[in-house]
Amino acid sequence: MDLFSRSWAELRTAVAELSDEDFAQPSGCAGWLVRDLVCHLIIDAQDVLITLVTPADAEPTRDAVTYWAVSDTPPTGDDPLDALIVRLAAAYEQPELLKFHLDDVGSAAGRAAELADPKLAVSTQDMVLTTGDYLSAYVLEWTLHHLDLIAHLPDAAGPPAEGLARTREMLEEIAGTAFPASFSDEDALLIGTGRRVPTDAERAELGDLAAKLPFVLG
C-alpha cells in the first residue's frame, strides 16, 4: 500500500514538472506522445477510484501478479481504445489542463488508496482481488508508465528504486524465471516488456529466456 502511494505520487510529480514542450515528445508507449500517456494516467486514476468503491462478496480469484494478462504481441497504438486516448488527449489542447486533471483525479485516487482496507475484496474486469493486491498490481502499472513517461526526456526524474525492484520481482514471477543479475532493474523491465531491444551481449546473457521475450502486460 505504501509503495503504491509513493510510486503514484512520484509519477504525478514527474508529470507536474514537465514543460509544455515535453508533452509533444514521444513516450515509451507505441503510437503515444507524452500527452497521450498522461491522458491514460487520468483514466487509470478513475479506474482506481471506481474499483476501490466496488466491493465484492466473492473470494479473491486473482492476486497482484495474476491480475496481469500476458501477451507476446507488443501494442502498435492502433487499438481502438489506444486511438481514443489520443483523441481525448488532443481535446485538452493545453498541457496545463492535463496537469490539472491528473492532479485533481490522481490526488483523489491516492487518498482513496490510503483510506482503503487492504483486506477488503474488490471487483474489476470480472476479477476479484483484495484491495491490497489490487493496489500492489498497480505498482507495476505506475512504474512501467513512469519509464514510458521519461523514455525521451533524459532530464526527468525516474521512478523510485523500491518500485523498480518490486516491479522486477513481479515480472520475474510472471516470467517464471529471473533476469540476469547483471541487469539493472530498469533494464530488466525495459527489455523484459519489449520497451527496449537487448544488445547482443544482453541477449547472450538472457540465454533461453530471450526467445520468450517480450512479456506484454495488459
Protein backbone atom coordinates (compact mmCIF):
# COMPACT_ATOMS: atom_id res chain seq x y z
CA MET A 1 0.00 0.00 0.00
CA ASP A 2 2.84 2.42 0.90
CA LEU A 3 4.68 1.53 -2.30
CA PHE A 4 1.55 2.23 -4.33
CA SER A 5 1.30 5.66 -2.74
CA ARG A 6 4.95 6.53 -3.26
CA SER A 7 5.09 5.26 -6.85
CA TRP A 8 1.92 7.14 -7.75
CA ALA A 9 2.99 10.34 -6.01
CA GLU A 10 6.37 10.39 -7.75
CA LEU A 11 4.80 9.70 -11.14
CA ARG A 12 2.38 12.58 -10.66
CA THR A 13 5.22 14.84 -9.54
CA ALA A 14 7.20 13.93 -12.65
CA VAL A 15 4.23 14.94 -14.80
CA ALA A 16 3.77 18.19 -12.87
CA GLU A 17 7.39 19.13 -13.55
CA LEU A 18 7.19 18.65 -17.33
CA SER A 19 7.42 21.65 -19.63
CA ASP A 20 4.74 22.29 -22.22
CA GLU A 21 7.20 21.20 -24.90
CA ASP A 22 7.71 17.84 -23.16
CA PHE A 23 4.08 16.90 -23.78
CA ALA A 24 4.73 16.82 -27.53
CA GLN A 25 7.63 14.37 -27.18
CA PRO A 26 7.17 10.66 -27.89
CA SER A 27 6.58 8.40 -24.92
CA GLY A 28 7.69 4.82 -24.42
CA CYS A 29 4.23 3.61 -25.50
CA ALA A 30 3.97 2.87 -29.22
CA GLY A 31 1.88 5.49 -31.00
CA TRP A 32 1.54 7.77 -27.97
CA LEU A 33 3.05 11.13 -27.23
CA VAL A 34 3.68 12.13 -23.62
CA ARG A 35 0.35 13.99 -23.61
CA ASP A 36 -1.44 10.76 -24.61
CA LEU A 37 0.25 8.84 -21.83
CA VAL A 38 -0.75 11.48 -19.27
CA CYS A 39 -4.35 11.23 -20.50
CA HIS A 40 -4.14 7.47 -19.99
CA LEU A 41 -2.94 8.05 -16.42
CA ILE A 42 -6.08 10.12 -15.78
CA ILE A 43 -8.17 7.15 -16.94
CA ASP A 44 -6.07 4.87 -14.71
CA ALA A 45 -6.78 7.10 -11.72
CA GLN A 46 -10.50 6.95 -12.47
CA ASP A 47 -10.29 3.14 -12.66
CA VAL A 48 -8.61 3.04 -9.24
CA LEU A 49 -11.38 5.18 -7.74
CA ILE A 50 -14.09 3.03 -9.31
CA THR A 51 -12.52 -0.24 -8.20
CA LEU A 52 -11.94 0.89 -4.62
CA VAL A 53 -15.68 1.56 -4.24
CA THR A 54 -16.75 -1.69 -5.93
CA PRO A 55 -16.68 -4.26 -3.11
CA ALA A 56 -17.15 -7.95 -3.92
CA ASP A 57 -18.83 -10.68 -1.87
CA ALA A 58 -16.84 -13.47 -3.55
CA GLU A 59 -13.43 -14.82 -2.58
CA PRO A 60 -10.45 -13.39 -4.49
CA THR A 61 -9.76 -15.02 -7.84
CA ARG A 62 -6.50 -13.16 -8.60
CA ASP A 63 -3.56 -11.62 -6.78
CA ALA A 64 -1.13 -8.81 -7.63
CA VAL A 65 0.73 -10.98 -10.14
CA THR A 66 -2.08 -13.00 -11.72
CA TYR A 67 -4.03 -9.75 -12.20
CA TRP A 68 -1.88 -9.25 -15.28
CA ALA A 69 -2.68 -10.89 -18.59
CA VAL A 70 0.39 -11.65 -20.71
CA SER A 71 0.69 -11.43 -24.47
CA ASP A 72 3.70 -11.82 -26.76
CA THR A 73 2.41 -9.16 -29.19
CA PRO A 74 3.57 -5.61 -28.44
CA PRO A 75 0.94 -2.88 -28.88
CA THR A 76 1.13 -0.77 -32.02
CA GLY A 77 -1.09 2.12 -30.94
CA ASP A 78 -3.75 1.13 -33.49
CA ASP A 79 -6.12 -0.46 -30.97
CA PRO A 80 -9.46 1.47 -30.88
CA LEU A 81 -9.05 2.27 -27.18
CA ASP A 82 -5.48 3.48 -27.74
CA ALA A 83 -6.72 5.67 -30.59
CA LEU A 84 -9.48 7.05 -28.34
CA ILE A 85 -6.87 8.12 -25.78
CA VAL A 86 -5.07 10.10 -28.50
CA ARG A 87 -8.29 11.95 -29.40
CA LEU A 88 -9.09 12.65 -25.75
CA ALA A 89 -5.60 13.99 -25.11
CA ALA A 90 -5.82 16.29 -28.14
CA ALA A 91 -9.11 17.70 -26.84
CA TYR A 92 -7.34 19.11 -23.79
CA GLU A 93 -5.38 21.43 -26.13
CA GLN A 94 -3.25 22.88 -23.31
CA PRO A 95 -0.80 20.74 -21.30
CA GLU A 96 -1.76 22.69 -18.19
CA LEU A 97 -5.27 21.27 -18.39
CA LEU A 98 -3.91 17.73 -18.50
CA LYS A 99 -1.71 18.50 -15.49
CA PHE A 100 -4.66 19.94 -13.58
CA HIS A 101 -6.94 16.98 -14.28
CA LEU A 102 -4.28 14.43 -13.37
CA ASP A 103 -3.51 16.28 -10.12
CA ASP A 104 -7.21 16.52 -9.28
CA VAL A 105 -8.28 12.95 -10.02
CA GLY A 106 -4.87 11.46 -9.20
CA SER A 107 -4.77 13.03 -5.75
CA ALA A 108 -8.23 11.67 -5.04
CA ALA A 109 -7.14 8.18 -6.10
CA GLY A 110 -4.11 8.46 -3.85
CA ARG A 111 -6.22 9.49 -0.85
CA ALA A 112 -8.72 6.72 -1.52
CA ALA A 113 -5.91 4.16 -1.58
CA GLU A 114 -4.55 5.39 1.75
CA LEU A 115 -8.01 5.08 3.33
CA ALA A 116 -8.80 1.65 1.86
CA ASP A 117 -8.93 -1.58 3.88
CA PRO A 118 -6.25 -3.82 2.33
CA LYS A 119 -8.23 -6.95 3.23
CA LEU A 120 -11.45 -5.85 1.54
CA ALA A 121 -12.31 -7.76 -1.65
CA VAL A 122 -12.98 -5.59 -4.69
CA SER A 123 -14.13 -6.39 -8.21
CA THR A 124 -12.66 -5.18 -11.51
CA GLN A 125 -12.70 -6.57 -15.06
CA ASP A 126 -14.51 -9.75 -13.94
CA MET A 127 -11.80 -10.40 -11.34
CA VAL A 128 -11.90 -10.30 -7.56
CA LEU A 129 -8.83 -9.22 -5.57
CA THR A 130 -8.13 -7.92 -2.13
CA THR A 131 -7.62 -4.19 -2.14
CA GLY A 132 -4.02 -4.75 -1.06
CA ASP A 133 -3.32 -6.99 -4.06
CA TYR A 134 -5.11 -4.63 -6.42
CA LEU A 135 -3.02 -1.68 -5.30
CA SER A 136 0.14 -3.80 -5.39
CA ALA A 137 -0.63 -4.70 -9.00
CA TYR A 138 -0.74 -1.01 -9.80
CA VAL A 139 2.82 -0.54 -8.57
CA LEU A 140 3.78 -2.31 -11.79
CA GLU A 141 1.46 -0.03 -13.80
CA TRP A 142 2.87 3.16 -12.30
CA THR A 143 6.48 2.03 -12.60
CA LEU A 144 6.31 0.95 -16.23
CA HIS A 145 4.41 4.08 -17.23
CA HIS A 146 6.88 6.23 -15.34
CA LEU A 147 9.59 4.67 -17.52
CA ASP A 148 7.39 5.36 -20.56
CA LEU A 149 6.98 8.97 -19.49
CA ILE A 150 10.71 9.65 -19.34
CA ALA A 151 11.73 7.47 -22.30
CA HIS A 152 12.73 10.53 -24.37
CA LEU A 153 13.09 13.03 -21.52
CA PRO A 154 16.58 12.42 -20.09
CA ASP A 155 16.32 15.21 -17.52
CA ALA A 156 13.05 13.98 -15.98
CA ALA A 157 13.08 12.13 -12.66
CA GLY A 158 12.61 8.37 -12.81
CA PRO A 159 10.52 6.03 -10.66
CA PRO A 160 11.58 5.20 -7.09
CA ALA A 161 14.12 2.40 -6.67
CA GLU A 162 11.72 0.39 -4.50
CA GLY A 163 9.09 0.49 -7.23
CA LEU A 164 11.59 -0.67 -9.84
CA ALA A 165 12.73 -3.53 -7.63
CA ARG A 166 9.20 -4.68 -6.80
CA THR A 167 8.10 -4.46 -10.43
CA ARG A 168 11.09 -6.54 -11.48
CA GLU A 169 10.12 -9.16 -8.88
CA MET A 170 6.58 -9.26 -10.25
CA LEU A 171 7.77 -9.55 -13.84
CA GLU A 172 10.09 -12.38 -12.87
CA GLU A 173 7.17 -14.15 -11.18
CA ILE A 174 5.16 -13.73 -14.37
CA ALA A 175 8.09 -14.97 -16.45
CA GLY A 176 8.74 -17.88 -14.12
CA THR A 177 12.46 -17.10 -14.11
CA ALA A 178 14.91 -14.42 -13.07
CA PHE A 179 16.60 -11.93 -15.34
CA PRO A 180 20.41 -11.89 -15.22
CA ALA A 181 21.77 -10.37 -12.02
CA SER A 182 23.95 -8.05 -14.14
CA PHE A 183 20.81 -6.34 -15.48
CA SER A 184 19.70 -3.26 -13.58
CA ASP A 185 16.06 -3.28 -12.52
CA GLU A 186 15.29 -0.67 -15.17
CA ASP A 187 16.99 -2.62 -17.95
CA ALA A 188 15.28 -5.86 -16.89
CA LEU A 189 11.91 -4.11 -17.13
CA LEU A 190 12.57 -2.33 -20.41
CA ILE A 191 13.93 -5.45 -22.10
CA GLY A 192 11.50 -7.85 -20.44
CA THR A 193 8.42 -5.92 -21.55
CA GLY A 194 9.70 -5.14 -25.03
CA ARG A 195 10.33 -1.48 -24.41
CA ARG A 196 13.96 -1.88 -25.46
CA VAL A 197 15.69 -4.42 -27.70
CA PRO A 198 18.53 -6.22 -25.91
CA THR A 199 22.05 -5.80 -27.20
CA ASP A 200 23.88 -8.87 -28.50
CA ALA A 201 25.72 -9.16 -25.18
CA GLU A 202 22.47 -8.88 -23.20
CA ARG A 203 20.80 -11.45 -25.43
CA ALA A 204 23.66 -13.86 -24.77
CA GLU A 205 23.21 -13.34 -21.02
CA LEU A 206 19.48 -13.95 -21.31
CA GLY A 207 20.06 -17.36 -22.87
CA ASP A 208 16.84 -19.32 -23.41
CA LEU A 209 14.80 -16.52 -21.83
CA ALA A 210 15.50 -14.31 -24.86
CA ALA A 211 13.25 -16.47 -27.01
CA LYS A 212 10.30 -15.86 -24.65
CA LEU A 213 10.53 -12.08 -24.80
CA PRO A 214 8.74 -9.76 -24.68
CA PHE A 215 6.20 -10.19 -21.90
CA VAL A 216 3.50 -7.72 -22.91
CA LEU A 217 1.32 -6.96 -19.90
CA GLY A 218 -2.24 -5.81 -20.02
